Every structure is written in structure tokens, then in C-alpha cells.
Amino acid sequence: MTQNALNKSLPWTEEHEAFCYKHHICPAAKSLWQWLMRQGLIAEEVEPDLSEFNAILCRHCGIA
């Protein structure tokens, strides 16, 4: 992910949080949803390359 993408404001709201709790969204799915929102592709149909997301998760979880 580029540095500019990291600086983008995440449009994550209390409603998103409430939806996750209400529907028992697992942390990995929530992280994926947030990552997709950071890509700036809201309301667009895309086929994202998840290798970048997987790399971020591995770094976050301490997996080599």
C-alpha cells in the first residue's frame, strides 16, 4: 500500500461497528472490509488483489 493510502481518512463509522457486532462479523472479515474501504473503491465492483492484504495481516500478526 502506498504511503498516501495510509494517510487516507477511513470512513468507518459507529454504524459500521454496530453492524459488525450485530452480525457477528469476525475480526478478519472486518479488517478486510476496512482495507477495501481504504483502497478508495467504495461502491465500485472490483476484483482486489488480496496478496497485499495478506502481507499486511502477516506483518500485523507477526507471521513470517
N, C-alpha and C. Protein backbone atom coordinates (compact mmCIF):
# COMPACT_ATOMS: atom_id res chain seq x y z
N MET A 1 0.85 -1.17 0.00
CA MET A 1 0.00 0.00 0.00
C MET A 1 0.90 1.23 0.00
N THR A 2 0.50 2.21 -0.74
CA THR A 2 1.31 3.43 -0.81
C THR A 2 1.15 4.25 0.45
N GLN A 3 2.09 5.14 0.69
CA GLN A 3 2.03 6.00 1.87
C GLN A 3 0.78 6.87 1.84
N ASN A 4 0.38 7.33 0.65
CA ASN A 4 -0.82 8.16 0.54
C ASN A 4 -2.05 7.40 0.98
N ALA A 5 -2.13 6.13 0.65
CA ALA A 5 -3.28 5.33 1.04
C ALA A 5 -3.35 5.19 2.55
N LEU A 6 -2.19 5.12 3.21
CA LEU A 6 -2.18 5.02 4.66
C LEU A 6 -2.69 6.28 5.31
N ASN A 7 -2.52 7.42 4.65
CA ASN A 7 -2.92 8.70 5.20
C ASN A 7 -4.39 9.02 4.93
N LYS A 8 -5.06 8.24 4.12
CA LYS A 8 -6.47 8.50 3.82
C LYS A 8 -7.30 8.33 5.09
N SER A 9 -8.28 9.18 5.22
CA SER A 9 -9.19 9.08 6.34
C SER A 9 -10.14 7.91 6.10
N LEU A 10 -10.22 7.03 7.07
CA LEU A 10 -11.08 5.86 6.95
C LEU A 10 -12.51 6.26 7.27
N PRO A 11 -13.44 6.09 6.33
CA PRO A 11 -14.83 6.48 6.58
C PRO A 11 -15.57 5.41 7.39
N TRP A 12 -14.92 4.89 8.42
CA TRP A 12 -15.51 3.86 9.27
C TRP A 12 -16.30 4.55 10.37
N THR A 13 -17.56 4.17 10.52
CA THR A 13 -18.44 4.87 11.45
C THR A 13 -18.91 3.94 12.56
N GLU A 14 -19.60 4.52 13.51
CA GLU A 14 -20.22 3.73 14.58
C GLU A 14 -21.24 2.75 14.00
N GLU A 15 -21.87 3.13 12.90
CA GLU A 15 -22.84 2.24 12.26
C GLU A 15 -22.15 0.99 11.70
N HIS A 16 -20.95 1.18 11.13
CA HIS A 16 -20.19 0.02 10.65
C HIS A 16 -19.88 -0.90 11.82
N GLU A 17 -19.42 -0.31 12.92
CA GLU A 17 -19.06 -1.06 14.11
C GLU A 17 -20.27 -1.83 14.64
N ALA A 18 -21.42 -1.15 14.72
CA ALA A 18 -22.64 -1.78 15.21
C ALA A 18 -23.07 -2.94 14.30
N PHE A 19 -22.94 -2.74 12.99
CA PHE A 19 -23.28 -3.80 12.04
C PHE A 19 -22.42 -5.04 12.29
N CYS A 20 -21.12 -4.82 12.52
CA CYS A 20 -20.20 -5.93 12.77
C CYS A 20 -20.59 -6.70 14.02
N TYR A 21 -20.92 -5.97 15.08
CA TYR A 21 -21.34 -6.64 16.32
C TYR A 21 -22.66 -7.37 16.14
N LYS A 22 -23.61 -6.71 15.51
CA LYS A 22 -24.94 -7.30 15.34
C LYS A 22 -24.89 -8.59 14.52
N HIS A 23 -24.05 -8.60 13.50
CA HIS A 23 -24.00 -9.75 12.59
C HIS A 23 -22.81 -10.67 12.85
N HIS A 24 -22.15 -10.47 13.99
CA HIS A 24 -21.05 -11.34 14.41
C HIS A 24 -19.97 -11.46 13.32
N ILE A 25 -19.60 -10.31 12.75
CA ILE A 25 -18.56 -10.28 11.73
C ILE A 25 -17.22 -10.56 12.42
N CYS A 26 -16.49 -11.54 11.93
CA CYS A 26 -15.22 -11.91 12.55
C CYS A 26 -14.17 -10.82 12.30
N PRO A 27 -13.16 -10.74 13.16
CA PRO A 27 -12.14 -9.70 13.02
C PRO A 27 -11.44 -9.69 11.66
N ALA A 28 -11.20 -10.86 11.08
CA ALA A 28 -10.53 -10.90 9.77
C ALA A 28 -11.42 -10.28 8.69
N ALA A 29 -12.71 -10.58 8.73
CA ALA A 29 -13.63 -10.00 7.74
C ALA A 29 -13.75 -8.49 7.94
N LYS A 30 -13.77 -8.05 9.19
CA LYS A 30 -13.83 -6.63 9.48
C LYS A 30 -12.57 -5.93 8.96
N SER A 31 -11.43 -6.53 9.17
CA SER A 31 -10.17 -5.96 8.68
C SER A 31 -10.17 -5.88 7.15
N LEU A 32 -10.68 -6.92 6.50
CA LEU A 32 -10.76 -6.91 5.04
C LEU A 32 -11.68 -5.80 4.57
N TRP A 33 -12.81 -5.63 5.20
CA TRP A 33 -13.77 -4.58 4.85
C TRP A 33 -13.11 -3.21 4.99
N GLN A 34 -12.41 -2.99 6.10
CA GLN A 34 -11.72 -1.71 6.31
C GLN A 34 -10.63 -1.49 5.26
N TRP A 35 -9.88 -2.54 4.95
CA TRP A 35 -8.82 -2.44 3.95
C TRP A 35 -9.40 -2.07 2.59
N LEU A 36 -10.51 -2.71 2.24
CA LEU A 36 -11.15 -2.40 0.96
C LEU A 36 -11.62 -0.95 0.92
N MET A 37 -12.13 -0.46 2.03
CA MET A 37 -12.56 0.94 2.08
C MET A 37 -11.37 1.88 1.89
N ARG A 38 -10.21 1.51 2.44
CA ARG A 38 -9.01 2.34 2.30
C ARG A 38 -8.50 2.38 0.86
N GLN A 39 -8.89 1.40 0.06
CA GLN A 39 -8.44 1.37 -1.32
C GLN A 39 -9.14 2.42 -2.17
N GLY A 40 -10.18 3.05 -1.62
CA GLY A 40 -10.87 4.13 -2.34
C GLY A 40 -11.79 3.61 -3.42
N LEU A 41 -12.26 2.40 -3.28
CA LEU A 41 -13.09 1.80 -4.31
C LEU A 41 -14.51 1.53 -3.81
N ILE A 42 -14.99 2.41 -2.95
CA ILE A 42 -16.32 2.25 -2.38
C ILE A 42 -17.36 2.39 -3.50
N ALA A 43 -18.33 1.49 -3.50
CA ALA A 43 -19.44 1.48 -4.46
C ALA A 43 -19.00 1.12 -5.88
N GLU A 44 -17.81 0.57 -6.02
CA GLU A 44 -17.35 0.10 -7.32
C GLU A 44 -17.16 -1.41 -7.25
N GLU A 45 -17.50 -2.09 -8.30
CA GLU A 45 -17.28 -3.52 -8.37
C GLU A 45 -15.85 -3.76 -8.84
N VAL A 46 -15.06 -4.41 -8.01
CA VAL A 46 -13.66 -4.66 -8.32
C VAL A 46 -13.30 -6.08 -7.91
N GLU A 47 -12.20 -6.55 -8.43
CA GLU A 47 -11.64 -7.82 -8.00
C GLU A 47 -10.26 -7.50 -7.42
N PRO A 48 -10.21 -7.27 -6.10
CA PRO A 48 -8.95 -6.83 -5.49
C PRO A 48 -7.91 -7.94 -5.44
N ASP A 49 -6.65 -7.53 -5.48
CA ASP A 49 -5.54 -8.45 -5.31
C ASP A 49 -5.29 -8.58 -3.81
N LEU A 50 -5.64 -9.71 -3.24
CA LEU A 50 -5.57 -9.88 -1.80
C LEU A 50 -4.17 -10.20 -1.29
N SER A 51 -3.19 -10.32 -2.18
CA SER A 51 -1.83 -10.61 -1.72
C SER A 51 -1.31 -9.46 -0.86
N GLU A 52 -1.66 -8.23 -1.20
CA GLU A 52 -1.24 -7.08 -0.39
C GLU A 52 -1.91 -7.13 0.99
N PHE A 53 -3.20 -7.44 1.03
CA PHE A 53 -3.91 -7.56 2.30
C PHE A 53 -3.31 -8.68 3.14
N ASN A 54 -3.02 -9.81 2.53
CA ASN A 54 -2.41 -10.93 3.25
C ASN A 54 -1.06 -10.53 3.84
N ALA A 55 -0.27 -9.77 3.10
CA ALA A 55 1.02 -9.32 3.59
C ALA A 55 0.87 -8.42 4.81
N ILE A 56 -0.12 -7.54 4.77
CA ILE A 56 -0.39 -6.65 5.91
C ILE A 56 -0.79 -7.48 7.13
N LEU A 57 -1.66 -8.46 6.93
CA LEU A 57 -2.08 -9.31 8.06
C LEU A 57 -0.90 -10.08 8.64
N CYS A 58 -0.05 -10.59 7.78
CA CYS A 58 1.11 -11.33 8.25
C CYS A 58 2.02 -10.44 9.08
N ARG A 59 2.25 -9.22 8.64
CA ARG A 59 3.08 -8.29 9.42
C ARG A 59 2.41 -7.97 10.76
N HIS A 60 1.10 -7.77 10.73
CA HIS A 60 0.36 -7.41 11.94
C HIS A 60 0.35 -8.57 12.94
N CYS A 61 0.23 -9.78 12.44
CA CYS A 61 0.15 -10.96 13.31
C CYS A 61 1.52 -11.52 13.65
N GLY A 62 2.56 -10.99 13.04
CA GLY A 62 3.91 -11.48 13.31
C GLY A 62 4.24 -12.77 12.62
N ILE A 63 3.56 -13.05 11.52
CA ILE A 63 3.81 -14.27 10.75
C ILE A 63 4.87 -13.95 9.69
N ALA A 64 5.86 -14.79 9.58
CA ALA A 64 6.95 -14.55 8.61
C ALA A 64 6.52 -14.86 7.21
